N, C-alpha and C. Protein backbone atom coordinates (compact mmCIF):
# COMPACT_ATOMS: atom_id res chain seq x y z
N UNK A 1 -23.62 24.76 -18.98
CA UNK A 1 -23.32 24.34 -17.61
C UNK A 1 -24.42 24.83 -16.72
N UNK A 2 -25.01 23.90 -15.94
CA UNK A 2 -26.07 24.29 -15.02
C UNK A 2 -25.46 25.05 -13.83
N UNK A 3 -26.32 25.72 -13.13
CA UNK A 3 -25.88 26.58 -12.02
C UNK A 3 -25.19 25.79 -10.91
N UNK A 4 -25.63 24.56 -10.65
CA UNK A 4 -25.07 23.76 -9.55
C UNK A 4 -23.95 22.84 -10.00
N UNK A 5 -23.64 22.82 -11.27
CA UNK A 5 -22.60 21.92 -11.77
C UNK A 5 -21.29 22.65 -11.90
N UNK A 6 -20.22 22.04 -11.39
CA UNK A 6 -18.88 22.60 -11.46
C UNK A 6 -18.28 22.20 -12.81
N UNK A 7 -17.56 23.09 -13.44
CA UNK A 7 -16.93 22.81 -14.72
C UNK A 7 -15.80 21.80 -14.56
N UNK A 8 -15.40 21.22 -15.65
CA UNK A 8 -14.30 20.24 -15.62
C UNK A 8 -13.02 20.87 -15.12
N UNK A 9 -12.74 22.10 -15.52
CA UNK A 9 -11.53 22.78 -15.07
C UNK A 9 -11.58 23.04 -13.57
N UNK A 10 -12.74 23.47 -13.07
CA UNK A 10 -12.87 23.69 -11.63
C UNK A 10 -12.68 22.38 -10.85
N UNK A 11 -13.27 21.30 -11.34
CA UNK A 11 -13.09 20.00 -10.67
C UNK A 11 -11.63 19.58 -10.66
N UNK A 12 -10.94 19.81 -11.77
CA UNK A 12 -9.53 19.48 -11.84
C UNK A 12 -8.71 20.27 -10.81
N UNK A 13 -8.92 21.57 -10.77
CA UNK A 13 -8.19 22.44 -9.83
C UNK A 13 -8.50 22.05 -8.39
N UNK A 14 -9.75 21.84 -8.07
CA UNK A 14 -10.14 21.43 -6.72
C UNK A 14 -9.44 20.13 -6.32
N UNK A 15 -9.42 19.18 -7.23
CA UNK A 15 -8.76 17.90 -6.96
C UNK A 15 -7.26 18.08 -6.72
N UNK A 16 -6.61 18.90 -7.53
CA UNK A 16 -5.17 19.12 -7.42
C UNK A 16 -4.83 19.82 -6.11
N UNK A 17 -5.64 20.79 -5.72
CA UNK A 17 -5.41 21.48 -4.45
C UNK A 17 -5.60 20.50 -3.29
N UNK A 18 -6.68 19.73 -3.31
CA UNK A 18 -6.94 18.74 -2.25
C UNK A 18 -5.78 17.74 -2.16
N UNK A 19 -5.35 17.25 -3.31
CA UNK A 19 -4.26 16.28 -3.36
C UNK A 19 -2.98 16.86 -2.70
N UNK A 20 -2.64 18.09 -3.06
CA UNK A 20 -1.46 18.71 -2.48
C UNK A 20 -1.62 18.97 -0.99
N UNK A 21 -2.80 19.40 -0.60
CA UNK A 21 -3.09 19.63 0.82
C UNK A 21 -2.88 18.35 1.61
N UNK A 22 -3.41 17.26 1.08
CA UNK A 22 -3.29 15.97 1.78
C UNK A 22 -1.86 15.45 1.77
N UNK A 23 -1.13 15.68 0.68
CA UNK A 23 0.29 15.30 0.63
C UNK A 23 1.07 15.94 1.78
N UNK A 24 0.74 17.17 2.08
CA UNK A 24 1.44 17.90 3.14
C UNK A 24 0.85 17.65 4.51
N UNK A 25 -0.22 16.86 4.58
CA UNK A 25 -0.83 16.52 5.85
C UNK A 25 -1.60 17.67 6.49
N UNK A 26 -2.07 18.60 5.68
CA UNK A 26 -2.85 19.72 6.19
C UNK A 26 -4.33 19.40 6.18
N UNK A 27 -4.99 19.68 7.29
CA UNK A 27 -6.45 19.52 7.35
C UNK A 27 -7.10 20.72 6.65
N UNK A 28 -8.38 20.60 6.40
CA UNK A 28 -9.13 21.73 5.86
C UNK A 28 -9.07 22.90 6.83
N UNK A 29 -9.14 22.60 8.11
CA UNK A 29 -9.13 23.68 9.12
C UNK A 29 -7.78 24.40 9.11
N UNK A 30 -6.69 23.66 9.06
CA UNK A 30 -5.36 24.25 9.06
C UNK A 30 -5.16 25.10 7.79
N UNK A 31 -5.61 24.60 6.65
CA UNK A 31 -5.50 25.36 5.41
C UNK A 31 -6.32 26.64 5.51
N UNK A 32 -7.51 26.54 6.05
CA UNK A 32 -8.37 27.72 6.23
C UNK A 32 -7.67 28.76 7.09
N UNK A 33 -7.06 28.35 8.16
CA UNK A 33 -6.34 29.27 9.05
C UNK A 33 -5.20 29.95 8.28
N UNK A 34 -4.43 29.17 7.53
CA UNK A 34 -3.31 29.70 6.76
C UNK A 34 -3.76 30.72 5.71
N UNK A 35 -4.93 30.51 5.15
CA UNK A 35 -5.47 31.38 4.10
C UNK A 35 -6.37 32.50 4.64
N UNK A 36 -6.60 32.48 5.96
CA UNK A 36 -7.53 33.42 6.58
C UNK A 36 -8.94 33.32 5.98
N UNK A 37 -9.38 32.09 5.82
CA UNK A 37 -10.73 31.78 5.31
C UNK A 37 -11.42 30.89 6.35
N UNK A 38 -12.71 30.74 6.23
CA UNK A 38 -13.43 29.85 7.13
C UNK A 38 -13.23 28.40 6.70
N UNK A 39 -13.21 27.49 7.67
CA UNK A 39 -13.09 26.10 7.33
C UNK A 39 -14.30 25.58 6.55
N UNK A 40 -15.44 26.19 6.76
CA UNK A 40 -16.61 25.79 5.98
C UNK A 40 -16.46 26.17 4.51
N UNK A 41 -15.74 27.25 4.24
CA UNK A 41 -15.48 27.65 2.86
C UNK A 41 -14.64 26.58 2.15
N UNK A 42 -13.60 26.09 2.82
CA UNK A 42 -12.77 25.04 2.26
C UNK A 42 -13.60 23.78 2.05
N UNK A 43 -14.39 23.42 3.04
CA UNK A 43 -15.24 22.25 2.96
C UNK A 43 -16.25 22.36 1.80
N UNK A 44 -16.79 23.53 1.60
CA UNK A 44 -17.74 23.71 0.50
C UNK A 44 -17.04 23.56 -0.85
N UNK A 45 -15.84 24.09 -0.96
CA UNK A 45 -15.09 23.94 -2.22
C UNK A 45 -14.80 22.49 -2.50
N UNK A 46 -14.40 21.75 -1.51
CA UNK A 46 -14.04 20.34 -1.71
C UNK A 46 -15.24 19.41 -1.79
N UNK A 47 -16.43 19.90 -1.52
CA UNK A 47 -17.65 19.08 -1.61
C UNK A 47 -18.25 19.17 -3.01
N UNK A 48 -18.53 18.04 -3.62
CA UNK A 48 -19.16 18.06 -4.94
C UNK A 48 -20.60 18.58 -4.91
N UNK A 49 -21.18 18.73 -3.72
CA UNK A 49 -22.56 19.21 -3.60
C UNK A 49 -22.69 20.73 -3.65
N UNK A 50 -21.54 21.43 -3.64
CA UNK A 50 -21.57 22.89 -3.66
C UNK A 50 -20.91 23.43 -4.91
N UNK A 51 -21.41 24.53 -5.43
CA UNK A 51 -20.84 25.12 -6.64
C UNK A 51 -19.61 26.01 -6.39
N UNK A 52 -19.12 26.01 -5.16
CA UNK A 52 -17.96 26.86 -4.83
C UNK A 52 -16.69 26.36 -5.53
N UNK A 53 -15.80 27.27 -5.83
CA UNK A 53 -14.53 26.89 -6.47
C UNK A 53 -13.46 27.94 -6.15
N UNK A 54 -12.22 27.59 -6.44
CA UNK A 54 -11.08 28.49 -6.22
C UNK A 54 -11.05 29.53 -7.33
N UNK A 55 -10.65 30.76 -6.98
CA UNK A 55 -10.40 31.77 -8.03
C UNK A 55 -8.91 31.95 -8.16
N UNK A 56 -8.46 32.76 -9.09
CA UNK A 56 -7.05 32.91 -9.38
C UNK A 56 -6.28 33.50 -8.20
N UNK A 57 -6.91 34.41 -7.46
CA UNK A 57 -6.26 34.96 -6.26
C UNK A 57 -6.04 33.85 -5.23
N UNK A 58 -7.05 33.00 -5.04
CA UNK A 58 -6.92 31.86 -4.14
C UNK A 58 -5.74 30.97 -4.57
N UNK A 59 -5.64 30.69 -5.86
CA UNK A 59 -4.59 29.79 -6.33
C UNK A 59 -3.22 30.35 -6.01
N UNK A 60 -3.05 31.65 -6.12
CA UNK A 60 -1.77 32.26 -5.81
C UNK A 60 -1.46 32.09 -4.30
N UNK A 61 -2.45 32.33 -3.46
CA UNK A 61 -2.25 32.18 -2.02
C UNK A 61 -2.06 30.71 -1.64
N UNK A 62 -2.81 29.83 -2.27
CA UNK A 62 -2.64 28.40 -2.03
C UNK A 62 -1.24 27.95 -2.37
N UNK A 63 -0.69 28.43 -3.47
CA UNK A 63 0.67 28.06 -3.88
C UNK A 63 1.69 28.46 -2.82
N UNK A 64 1.50 29.61 -2.20
CA UNK A 64 2.40 30.06 -1.13
C UNK A 64 2.32 29.10 0.06
N UNK A 65 1.10 28.80 0.49
CA UNK A 65 0.90 27.94 1.66
C UNK A 65 1.32 26.50 1.37
N UNK A 66 1.00 26.02 0.17
CA UNK A 66 1.27 24.62 -0.17
C UNK A 66 2.64 24.42 -0.82
N UNK A 67 3.44 25.48 -0.83
CA UNK A 67 4.81 25.44 -1.29
C UNK A 67 4.98 24.85 -2.68
N UNK A 68 4.28 25.46 -3.62
CA UNK A 68 4.36 25.03 -5.00
C UNK A 68 4.05 26.22 -5.91
N UNK A 69 3.88 25.96 -7.17
CA UNK A 69 3.55 27.02 -8.13
C UNK A 69 2.03 26.99 -8.42
N UNK A 70 1.43 28.15 -8.65
CA UNK A 70 0.01 28.12 -9.03
C UNK A 70 -0.26 27.25 -10.24
N UNK A 71 0.71 27.14 -11.15
CA UNK A 71 0.50 26.32 -12.34
C UNK A 71 0.41 24.82 -12.03
N UNK A 72 0.86 24.42 -10.80
CA UNK A 72 0.74 23.03 -10.42
C UNK A 72 -0.71 22.61 -10.24
N UNK A 73 -1.60 23.56 -10.13
CA UNK A 73 -3.03 23.25 -9.96
C UNK A 73 -3.78 23.19 -11.29
N UNK A 74 -3.10 23.50 -12.39
CA UNK A 74 -3.73 23.57 -13.69
C UNK A 74 -3.26 22.44 -14.62
N UNK A 75 -4.13 22.00 -15.54
CA UNK A 75 -3.74 20.92 -16.45
C UNK A 75 -2.78 21.47 -17.52
N UNK A 76 -2.03 20.56 -18.12
CA UNK A 76 -1.08 20.92 -19.21
C UNK A 76 -1.80 21.35 -20.48
N UNK A 77 -2.99 20.79 -20.69
CA UNK A 77 -3.78 21.11 -21.88
C UNK A 77 -5.20 21.47 -21.46
N UNK A 78 -5.89 22.13 -22.35
CA UNK A 78 -7.28 22.54 -22.05
C UNK A 78 -8.16 21.30 -21.85
N UNK A 79 -9.14 21.46 -20.98
CA UNK A 79 -10.09 20.37 -20.72
C UNK A 79 -11.39 20.60 -21.45
């Protein structure tokens, strides 16, 4: 994996988080406020041009804000 390329699992998680965020009608800014993160951080994660990604601590906090389980962001089988 090159330094600027996001792994398949990271892409999957990013997509699932974005999908849930949008289902709830939350903007990147609103999510950033809820997580006490900068909106540019959320934007970087959701941009394919940046190598940023969610970590396990983020997933736990995201699940609280997005009213779901952290496992909802993960695939049923390995990628």
